[in-house]
Amino acid sequence: MSNPEVPTRVRVTGPPRRRVSAVRPDAAREIDAETALGEVFMRSLLREQLRLAVGALAALALTLGILPLVFVLAPDLAGVHVGSMPLAWLLLGVLAYPWLVLLGWWYIRRAEANERDFAGLVSAAEDDG
């Protein structure tokens, strides 16, 4: 009985990969190095995001947050019904959720726009530099 030769295993790999340069643009390096210019960039982004968050919280407080106070100051509203549902239930139990979704959608859209504007500012600073 003859012993056939067993072929040796060959590792198959893809083509060699090129390494992407890890050199960051100048303005991004300024931010990473926490220089004075990087601080100005970051402070501008944080200021805009804080302004947006305060605006969203103010909208929430002035709409849903004030409703319990309205019902305490105007007790006659407790007897108002829309169809068979009390007005308070309608406002706080049904209409509040679409408002929260709309407010969240608006907040996310604006926050992403702020970040796009920030990225444009950083890239414009790199082009000028």
N, C-alpha and C. Protein backbone atom coordinates (compact mmCIF):
# COMPACT_ATOMS: atom_id res chain seq x y z
N MET A 1 0.81 -1.15 0.00
CA MET A 1 0.00 0.00 0.00
C MET A 1 0.87 1.23 0.00
N SER A 2 0.62 2.03 -0.91
CA SER A 2 1.44 3.22 -1.07
C SER A 2 0.89 4.34 -0.19
N ASN A 3 1.79 5.17 0.26
CA ASN A 3 1.43 6.31 1.11
C ASN A 3 1.45 7.57 0.25
N PRO A 4 0.26 8.08 -0.14
CA PRO A 4 0.28 9.29 -0.96
C PRO A 4 0.78 10.48 -0.16
N GLU A 5 1.45 11.38 -0.84
CA GLU A 5 1.96 12.56 -0.16
C GLU A 5 0.80 13.48 0.24
N VAL A 6 0.84 13.90 1.50
CA VAL A 6 -0.18 14.81 2.01
C VAL A 6 0.26 16.23 1.68
N PRO A 7 -0.60 17.00 1.00
CA PRO A 7 -0.18 18.37 0.67
C PRO A 7 -0.08 19.23 1.93
N THR A 8 0.86 20.13 1.93
CA THR A 8 1.02 21.03 3.07
C THR A 8 -0.03 22.12 2.99
N ARG A 9 -0.41 22.61 4.15
CA ARG A 9 -1.43 23.66 4.22
C ARG A 9 -0.82 25.00 3.83
N VAL A 10 -1.59 25.77 3.11
CA VAL A 10 -1.15 27.08 2.67
C VAL A 10 -2.14 28.10 3.21
N ARG A 11 -1.63 29.13 3.85
CA ARG A 11 -2.49 30.19 4.38
C ARG A 11 -2.79 31.18 3.26
N VAL A 12 -4.06 31.44 3.06
CA VAL A 12 -4.50 32.36 2.02
C VAL A 12 -4.90 33.66 2.69
N THR A 13 -4.31 34.74 2.24
CA THR A 13 -4.64 36.06 2.80
C THR A 13 -4.95 37.01 1.67
N GLY A 14 -5.51 38.13 2.03
CA GLY A 14 -5.82 39.15 1.05
C GLY A 14 -4.58 39.96 0.72
N PRO A 15 -4.75 40.94 -0.15
CA PRO A 15 -3.61 41.79 -0.49
C PRO A 15 -3.16 42.60 0.73
N PRO A 16 -1.90 42.98 0.75
CA PRO A 16 -1.43 43.77 1.90
C PRO A 16 -2.20 45.08 2.02
N ARG A 17 -2.48 45.43 3.23
CA ARG A 17 -3.25 46.64 3.49
C ARG A 17 -2.30 47.81 3.73
N ARG A 18 -2.75 48.96 3.27
CA ARG A 18 -1.98 50.17 3.54
C ARG A 18 -2.44 50.75 4.85
N ARG A 19 -1.54 51.26 5.59
CA ARG A 19 -1.90 51.91 6.84
C ARG A 19 -2.32 53.33 6.54
N VAL A 20 -3.40 53.73 7.16
CA VAL A 20 -3.88 55.09 7.00
C VAL A 20 -3.03 55.99 7.87
N SER A 21 -2.67 57.11 7.33
CA SER A 21 -1.84 58.05 8.07
C SER A 21 -2.59 58.53 9.30
N ALA A 22 -1.91 58.52 10.42
CA ALA A 22 -2.52 58.94 11.67
C ALA A 22 -2.28 60.43 11.94
N VAL A 23 -1.84 61.16 10.93
CA VAL A 23 -1.59 62.58 11.09
C VAL A 23 -2.93 63.31 11.08
N ARG A 24 -3.19 64.01 12.13
CA ARG A 24 -4.44 64.75 12.24
C ARG A 24 -4.25 66.16 11.70
N PRO A 25 -5.33 66.77 11.23
CA PRO A 25 -5.24 68.15 10.76
C PRO A 25 -4.81 69.08 11.90
N ASP A 26 -4.31 70.25 11.52
CA ASP A 26 -3.76 71.19 12.50
C ASP A 26 -4.78 71.59 13.56
N ALA A 27 -5.99 71.97 13.15
CA ALA A 27 -6.97 72.43 14.13
C ALA A 27 -7.39 71.32 15.07
N ALA A 28 -7.50 70.10 14.57
CA ALA A 28 -7.85 68.97 15.43
C ALA A 28 -6.72 68.70 16.43
N ARG A 29 -5.48 68.87 15.99
CA ARG A 29 -4.35 68.71 16.91
C ARG A 29 -4.38 69.78 17.98
N GLU A 30 -4.80 70.99 17.61
CA GLU A 30 -4.91 72.07 18.60
C GLU A 30 -5.92 71.69 19.70
N ILE A 31 -7.01 71.07 19.28
CA ILE A 31 -8.03 70.66 20.25
C ILE A 31 -7.48 69.54 21.13
N ASP A 32 -6.83 68.55 20.50
CA ASP A 32 -6.28 67.42 21.26
C ASP A 32 -5.20 67.87 22.24
N ALA A 33 -4.39 68.83 21.83
CA ALA A 33 -3.28 69.28 22.68
C ALA A 33 -3.75 70.27 23.75
N GLU A 34 -5.02 70.64 23.71
CA GLU A 34 -5.60 71.57 24.67
C GLU A 34 -4.86 72.91 24.71
N THR A 35 -4.55 73.42 23.53
CA THR A 35 -3.92 74.73 23.44
C THR A 35 -4.98 75.81 23.57
N ALA A 36 -4.55 77.05 23.56
CA ALA A 36 -5.49 78.16 23.69
C ALA A 36 -6.48 78.18 22.52
N LEU A 37 -5.98 77.92 21.33
CA LEU A 37 -6.86 77.88 20.16
C LEU A 37 -7.85 76.72 20.25
N GLY A 38 -7.37 75.58 20.71
CA GLY A 38 -8.25 74.43 20.90
C GLY A 38 -9.32 74.71 21.94
N GLU A 39 -8.95 75.43 22.99
CA GLU A 39 -9.93 75.82 24.01
C GLU A 39 -11.01 76.72 23.43
N VAL A 40 -10.62 77.63 22.55
CA VAL A 40 -11.61 78.52 21.91
C VAL A 40 -12.57 77.70 21.07
N PHE A 41 -12.04 76.74 20.31
CA PHE A 41 -12.90 75.87 19.49
C PHE A 41 -13.89 75.11 20.37
N MET A 42 -13.38 74.47 21.42
CA MET A 42 -14.24 73.66 22.27
C MET A 42 -15.24 74.52 23.05
N ARG A 43 -14.81 75.68 23.50
CA ARG A 43 -15.72 76.55 24.24
C ARG A 43 -16.88 76.99 23.36
N SER A 44 -16.60 77.25 22.08
CA SER A 44 -17.68 77.67 21.18
C SER A 44 -18.68 76.55 20.97
N LEU A 45 -18.21 75.31 20.82
CA LEU A 45 -19.13 74.18 20.66
C LEU A 45 -19.94 73.95 21.93
N LEU A 46 -19.27 73.95 23.06
CA LEU A 46 -19.98 73.72 24.32
C LEU A 46 -20.99 74.82 24.62
N ARG A 47 -20.66 76.06 24.28
CA ARG A 47 -21.58 77.17 24.50
C ARG A 47 -22.84 76.99 23.67
N GLU A 48 -22.67 76.61 22.41
CA GLU A 48 -23.84 76.39 21.54
C GLU A 48 -24.69 75.22 22.02
N GLN A 49 -24.03 74.14 22.44
CA GLN A 49 -24.79 72.97 22.91
C GLN A 49 -25.51 73.31 24.22
N LEU A 50 -24.89 74.09 25.08
CA LEU A 50 -25.55 74.48 26.33
C LEU A 50 -26.74 75.39 26.05
N ARG A 51 -26.59 76.31 25.13
CA ARG A 51 -27.69 77.20 24.76
C ARG A 51 -28.87 76.39 24.22
N LEU A 52 -28.57 75.39 23.42
CA LEU A 52 -29.61 74.53 22.87
C LEU A 52 -30.31 73.75 23.98
N ALA A 53 -29.54 73.18 24.90
CA ALA A 53 -30.12 72.40 25.99
C ALA A 53 -31.00 73.27 26.89
N VAL A 54 -30.54 74.48 27.19
CA VAL A 54 -31.34 75.39 28.02
C VAL A 54 -32.64 75.77 27.30
N GLY A 55 -32.55 75.98 26.00
CA GLY A 55 -33.76 76.29 25.23
C GLY A 55 -34.75 75.14 25.24
N ALA A 56 -34.26 73.91 25.09
CA ALA A 56 -35.15 72.74 25.12
C ALA A 56 -35.78 72.58 26.50
N LEU A 57 -34.99 72.75 27.54
CA LEU A 57 -35.54 72.64 28.90
C LEU A 57 -36.55 73.75 29.18
N ALA A 58 -36.29 74.94 28.69
CA ALA A 58 -37.23 76.04 28.89
C ALA A 58 -38.54 75.76 28.16
N ALA A 59 -38.47 75.22 26.95
CA ALA A 59 -39.69 74.87 26.22
C ALA A 59 -40.47 73.80 26.97
N LEU A 60 -39.76 72.84 27.52
CA LEU A 60 -40.42 71.78 28.29
C LEU A 60 -41.06 72.34 29.56
N ALA A 61 -40.32 73.19 30.26
CA ALA A 61 -40.83 73.76 31.51
C ALA A 61 -42.03 74.68 31.26
N LEU A 62 -41.99 75.45 30.18
CA LEU A 62 -43.07 76.39 29.91
C LEU A 62 -44.32 75.73 29.34
N THR A 63 -44.20 74.50 28.88
CA THR A 63 -45.37 73.81 28.35
C THR A 63 -45.87 72.76 29.34
N LEU A 64 -45.14 71.71 29.53
CA LEU A 64 -45.60 70.64 30.42
C LEU A 64 -45.39 70.97 31.89
N GLY A 65 -44.33 71.65 32.21
CA GLY A 65 -44.03 71.95 33.61
C GLY A 65 -45.02 72.89 34.26
N ILE A 66 -45.63 73.74 33.48
CA ILE A 66 -46.53 74.72 34.04
C ILE A 66 -47.98 74.21 34.15
N LEU A 67 -48.28 73.10 33.48
CA LEU A 67 -49.65 72.58 33.50
C LEU A 67 -50.17 72.25 34.90
N PRO A 68 -49.41 71.57 35.76
CA PRO A 68 -49.93 71.33 37.11
C PRO A 68 -50.24 72.63 37.86
N LEU A 69 -49.42 73.65 37.67
CA LEU A 69 -49.67 74.94 38.31
C LEU A 69 -50.96 75.56 37.80
N VAL A 70 -51.23 75.43 36.50
CA VAL A 70 -52.46 75.96 35.92
C VAL A 70 -53.67 75.28 36.55
N PHE A 71 -53.59 73.97 36.74
CA PHE A 71 -54.73 73.26 37.33
C PHE A 71 -54.90 73.56 38.81
N VAL A 72 -53.82 73.91 39.51
CA VAL A 72 -53.95 74.31 40.92
C VAL A 72 -54.53 75.71 41.02
N LEU A 73 -54.09 76.63 40.15
CA LEU A 73 -54.56 78.01 40.21
C LEU A 73 -55.97 78.18 39.64
N ALA A 74 -56.37 77.29 38.76
CA ALA A 74 -57.71 77.35 38.18
C ALA A 74 -58.42 76.02 38.43
N PRO A 75 -58.94 75.83 39.63
CA PRO A 75 -59.55 74.53 39.97
C PRO A 75 -60.79 74.21 39.12
N ASP A 76 -61.39 75.22 38.49
CA ASP A 76 -62.56 74.96 37.65
C ASP A 76 -62.20 74.10 36.43
N LEU A 77 -60.92 74.11 36.03
CA LEU A 77 -60.49 73.30 34.89
C LEU A 77 -60.57 71.80 35.18
N ALA A 78 -60.59 71.43 36.46
CA ALA A 78 -60.66 70.01 36.80
C ALA A 78 -61.98 69.40 36.35
N GLY A 79 -63.01 70.21 36.25
CA GLY A 79 -64.31 69.71 35.83
C GLY A 79 -64.52 69.71 34.32
N VAL A 80 -63.60 70.28 33.56
CA VAL A 80 -63.74 70.36 32.10
C VAL A 80 -63.43 68.99 31.50
N HIS A 81 -64.32 68.54 30.61
CA HIS A 81 -64.13 67.26 29.93
C HIS A 81 -64.10 67.50 28.42
N VAL A 82 -63.25 66.75 27.74
CA VAL A 82 -63.23 66.76 26.28
C VAL A 82 -63.74 65.37 25.89
N GLY A 83 -64.95 65.33 25.42
CA GLY A 83 -65.60 64.05 25.21
C GLY A 83 -65.87 63.44 26.58
N SER A 84 -65.40 62.24 26.80
CA SER A 84 -65.57 61.62 28.11
C SER A 84 -64.29 61.68 28.95
N MET A 85 -63.26 62.34 28.44
CA MET A 85 -61.96 62.39 29.11
C MET A 85 -61.75 63.75 29.78
N PRO A 86 -61.31 63.75 31.04
CA PRO A 86 -60.99 65.02 31.69
C PRO A 86 -59.85 65.74 30.96
N LEU A 87 -59.90 67.06 30.96
CA LEU A 87 -58.90 67.87 30.25
C LEU A 87 -57.48 67.59 30.76
N ALA A 88 -57.32 67.43 32.07
CA ALA A 88 -55.99 67.17 32.64
C ALA A 88 -55.42 65.86 32.10
N TRP A 89 -56.24 64.83 32.00
CA TRP A 89 -55.77 63.55 31.47
C TRP A 89 -55.38 63.69 30.01
N LEU A 90 -56.19 64.44 29.29
CA LEU A 90 -55.90 64.62 27.87
C LEU A 90 -54.56 65.33 27.68
N LEU A 91 -54.35 66.40 28.43
CA LEU A 91 -53.12 67.17 28.28
C LEU A 91 -51.88 66.43 28.77
N LEU A 92 -51.98 65.85 29.99
CA LEU A 92 -50.79 65.22 30.58
C LEU A 92 -50.61 63.76 30.18
N GLY A 93 -51.69 63.09 29.83
CA GLY A 93 -51.58 61.67 29.53
C GLY A 93 -51.55 61.33 28.05
N VAL A 94 -52.05 62.21 27.21
CA VAL A 94 -52.12 61.89 25.78
C VAL A 94 -51.28 62.86 24.96
N LEU A 95 -51.50 64.14 25.09
CA LEU A 95 -50.81 65.12 24.25
C LEU A 95 -49.37 65.39 24.66
N ALA A 96 -48.99 64.99 25.87
CA ALA A 96 -47.62 65.24 26.33
C ALA A 96 -46.61 64.41 25.54
N TYR A 97 -46.96 63.20 25.19
CA TYR A 97 -45.98 62.32 24.53
C TYR A 97 -45.62 62.76 23.12
N PRO A 98 -46.57 63.13 22.28
CA PRO A 98 -46.16 63.67 20.98
C PRO A 98 -45.30 64.93 21.12
N TRP A 99 -45.61 65.75 22.11
CA TRP A 99 -44.82 66.95 22.34
C TRP A 99 -43.38 66.59 22.73
N LEU A 100 -43.21 65.59 23.60
CA LEU A 100 -41.87 65.16 24.01
C LEU A 100 -41.10 64.59 22.82
N VAL A 101 -41.76 63.82 21.98
CA VAL A 101 -41.10 63.27 20.78
C VAL A 101 -40.68 64.40 19.85
N LEU A 102 -41.57 65.36 19.63
CA LEU A 102 -41.25 66.49 18.76
C LEU A 102 -40.10 67.31 19.33
N LEU A 103 -40.11 67.55 20.62
CA LEU A 103 -39.04 68.31 21.26
C LEU A 103 -37.71 67.56 21.17
N GLY A 104 -37.73 66.26 21.38
CA GLY A 104 -36.51 65.45 21.26
C GLY A 104 -35.99 65.44 19.84
N TRP A 105 -36.89 65.33 18.86
CA TRP A 105 -36.48 65.35 17.45
C TRP A 105 -35.82 66.69 17.11
N TRP A 106 -36.44 67.77 17.55
CA TRP A 106 -35.88 69.11 17.30
C TRP A 106 -34.50 69.25 17.96
N TYR A 107 -34.37 68.78 19.19
CA TYR A 107 -33.11 68.90 19.91
C TYR A 107 -31.99 68.14 19.19
N ILE A 108 -32.27 66.91 18.77
CA ILE A 108 -31.25 66.11 18.08
C ILE A 108 -30.84 66.77 16.76
N ARG A 109 -31.81 67.26 16.00
CA ARG A 109 -31.50 67.92 14.72
C ARG A 109 -30.61 69.14 14.94
N ARG A 110 -30.92 69.96 15.93
CA ARG A 110 -30.14 71.16 16.20
C ARG A 110 -28.74 70.80 16.73
N ALA A 111 -28.65 69.78 17.60
CA ALA A 111 -27.35 69.38 18.13
C ALA A 111 -26.45 68.88 17.01
N GLU A 112 -27.01 68.09 16.09
CA GLU A 112 -26.21 67.62 14.96
C GLU A 112 -25.81 68.77 14.05
N ALA A 113 -26.68 69.75 13.87
CA ALA A 113 -26.33 70.92 13.06
C ALA A 113 -25.21 71.71 13.73
N ASN A 114 -25.26 71.83 15.06
CA ASN A 114 -24.18 72.51 15.78
C ASN A 114 -22.85 71.80 15.57
N GLU A 115 -22.88 70.47 15.60
CA GLU A 115 -21.64 69.72 15.40
C GLU A 115 -21.13 69.84 13.97
N ARG A 116 -22.05 69.88 13.00
CA ARG A 116 -21.62 70.09 11.60
C ARG A 116 -21.00 71.47 11.44
N ASP A 117 -21.62 72.48 12.06
CA ASP A 117 -21.06 73.83 12.00
C ASP A 117 -19.68 73.88 12.64
N PHE A 118 -19.51 73.16 13.76
CA PHE A 118 -18.22 73.11 14.43
C PHE A 118 -17.18 72.45 13.54
N ALA A 119 -17.55 71.35 12.90
CA ALA A 119 -16.62 70.67 12.00
C ALA A 119 -16.25 71.59 10.83
N GLY A 120 -17.21 72.36 10.34
CA GLY A 120 -16.91 73.33 9.27
C GLY A 120 -15.98 74.42 9.76
N LEU A 121 -16.17 74.86 10.99
CA LEU A 121 -15.29 75.88 11.56
C LEU A 121 -13.86 75.36 11.69
N VAL A 122 -13.74 74.11 12.16
CA VAL A 122 -12.41 73.52 12.32
C VAL A 122 -11.75 73.34 10.95
N SER A 123 -12.50 72.86 9.96
CA SER A 123 -11.89 72.67 8.65
C SER A 123 -11.55 74.00 7.98
N ALA A 124 -12.36 75.04 8.24
CA ALA A 124 -12.04 76.36 7.68
C ALA A 124 -10.77 76.91 8.32
N ALA A 125 -10.58 76.63 9.62
CA ALA A 125 -9.37 77.09 10.30
C ALA A 125 -8.14 76.36 9.75
N GLU A 126 -8.32 75.09 9.36
CA GLU A 126 -7.21 74.35 8.77
C GLU A 126 -6.85 74.88 7.40
N ASP A 127 -7.87 75.27 6.63
CA ASP A 127 -7.62 75.80 5.28
C ASP A 127 -6.91 77.14 5.35
N ASP A 128 -7.27 77.95 6.36
CA ASP A 128 -6.63 79.26 6.51
C ASP A 128 -5.22 79.14 7.03
N GLY A 129 -5.00 78.09 7.87
CA GLY A 129 -3.71 77.93 8.53
C GLY A 129 -2.68 77.48 7.58
